Amino acid sequence: MAQLNVDLVAADRKIWSGEAKSVSAPAADGEIGILADHSPLLSVLRPGTVRIKGSSGGPFEVEVTGGFLSVDANLVTIVADSATVVAGSESV
């Protein structure tokens, strides 16, 4: 089964990087879900929660204030204006 490679960064640091089964994010037009082999996409993010379901381990959640998300060839890049990791989420 194909996996996603995810990089989640803020202006000042890397937040999370690794393989994932799925990603959901607060896109400008509503919540978006990303699975492996998703079509290419570029979207603006609104304030909300980004959820990453890693290949191993528990889910990772981070509150973002905005930014953008890019998907291309199973690579998901999320650049957040600012981000706060939700308590209980797995670490990098």
Protein backbone atom coordinates (compact mmCIF):
# COMPACT_ATOMS: atom_id res chain seq x y z
CA MET A 1 0.00 0.00 0.00
CA ALA A 2 1.32 3.43 -0.91
CA GLN A 3 2.22 5.88 1.83
CA LEU A 4 2.37 9.63 2.02
CA ASN A 5 5.58 11.46 2.85
CA VAL A 6 4.65 14.46 4.98
CA ASP A 7 6.61 17.56 5.95
CA LEU A 8 4.92 19.99 8.34
CA VAL A 9 6.89 23.16 9.00
CA ALA A 10 6.33 26.57 10.57
CA ALA A 11 8.28 29.71 9.80
CA ASP A 12 10.75 29.00 12.61
CA ARG A 13 11.02 25.18 12.83
CA LYS A 14 10.18 21.71 11.52
CA ILE A 15 7.11 20.38 13.34
CA TRP A 16 6.69 16.86 11.93
CA SER A 17 8.18 14.79 9.14
CA GLY A 18 7.63 11.17 8.16
CA GLU A 19 5.40 8.61 6.48
CA ALA A 20 1.66 8.77 6.99
CA LYS A 21 -1.53 6.95 6.05
CA SER A 22 -3.63 10.13 5.87
CA VAL A 23 -3.66 13.88 6.46
CA SER A 24 -6.61 16.18 7.12
CA ALA A 25 -6.35 19.96 7.15
CA PRO A 26 -8.55 23.06 7.35
CA ALA A 27 -8.49 24.27 3.75
CA ALA A 28 -9.94 27.65 2.83
CA ASP A 29 -13.04 26.00 1.31
CA GLY A 30 -13.52 23.41 4.07
CA GLU A 31 -11.83 20.38 5.66
CA ILE A 32 -9.70 18.40 3.19
CA GLY A 33 -8.58 14.78 3.50
CA ILE A 34 -5.49 13.45 1.75
CA LEU A 35 -4.75 9.76 1.13
CA ALA A 36 -2.01 8.10 -0.93
CA ASP A 37 -2.16 8.77 -4.69
CA HIS A 38 -4.16 12.00 -4.23
CA SER A 39 -4.18 14.31 -7.26
CA PRO A 40 -1.82 17.29 -7.16
CA LEU A 41 -3.21 20.13 -5.08
CA LEU A 42 -2.27 23.54 -3.72
CA SER A 43 -4.54 25.04 -1.05
CA VAL A 44 -4.56 27.94 1.39
CA LEU A 45 -5.13 26.90 5.01
CA ARG A 46 -7.46 28.67 7.42
CA PRO A 47 -7.03 28.50 11.21
CA GLY A 48 -7.78 25.03 12.58
CA THR A 49 -6.34 21.59 13.29
CA VAL A 50 -4.06 19.58 11.01
CA ARG A 51 -4.30 15.84 11.74
CA ILE A 52 -1.70 13.35 10.54
CA LYS A 53 -2.24 9.62 10.94
CA GLY A 54 1.29 8.25 10.93
CA SER A 55 2.30 4.89 9.48
CA SER A 56 3.25 3.75 12.95
CA GLY A 57 2.24 5.21 16.27
CA GLY A 58 -0.61 7.47 17.24
CA PRO A 59 -2.07 10.46 15.48
CA PHE A 60 -0.33 13.82 15.44
CA GLU A 61 -2.39 17.01 15.76
CA VAL A 62 -1.31 20.62 15.49
CA GLU A 63 -3.28 23.85 15.64
CA VAL A 64 -2.34 26.21 12.80
CA THR A 65 -3.24 29.87 12.27
CA GLY A 66 -3.07 29.63 8.49
CA GLY A 67 -0.58 28.78 5.76
CA PHE A 68 -0.71 26.51 2.72
CA LEU A 69 -0.73 22.83 1.79
CA SER A 70 0.77 21.23 -1.31
CA VAL A 71 0.31 17.65 -2.59
CA ASP A 72 2.34 16.14 -5.41
CA ALA A 73 3.37 12.52 -6.06
CA ASN A 74 2.54 11.34 -2.50
CA LEU A 75 4.50 14.21 -0.97
CA VAL A 76 2.45 16.48 1.29
CA THR A 77 4.07 19.75 2.34
CA ILE A 78 2.33 21.92 4.92
CA VAL A 79 3.73 25.36 5.69
CA ALA A 80 2.01 26.96 8.68
CA ASP A 81 2.14 30.63 9.62
CA SER A 82 2.38 29.48 13.24
CA ALA A 83 1.69 26.12 14.86
CA THR A 84 1.03 24.70 18.32
CA VAL A 85 1.26 20.95 18.90
CA VAL A 86 -1.84 19.52 20.60
CA ALA A 87 -1.03 17.81 23.93
CA GLY A 88 -0.78 14.02 23.63
CA SER A 89 0.36 13.98 20.00
CA GLU A 90 3.39 11.94 18.96
CA SER A 91 6.61 13.86 18.38
CA VAL A 92 8.90 14.22 15.34
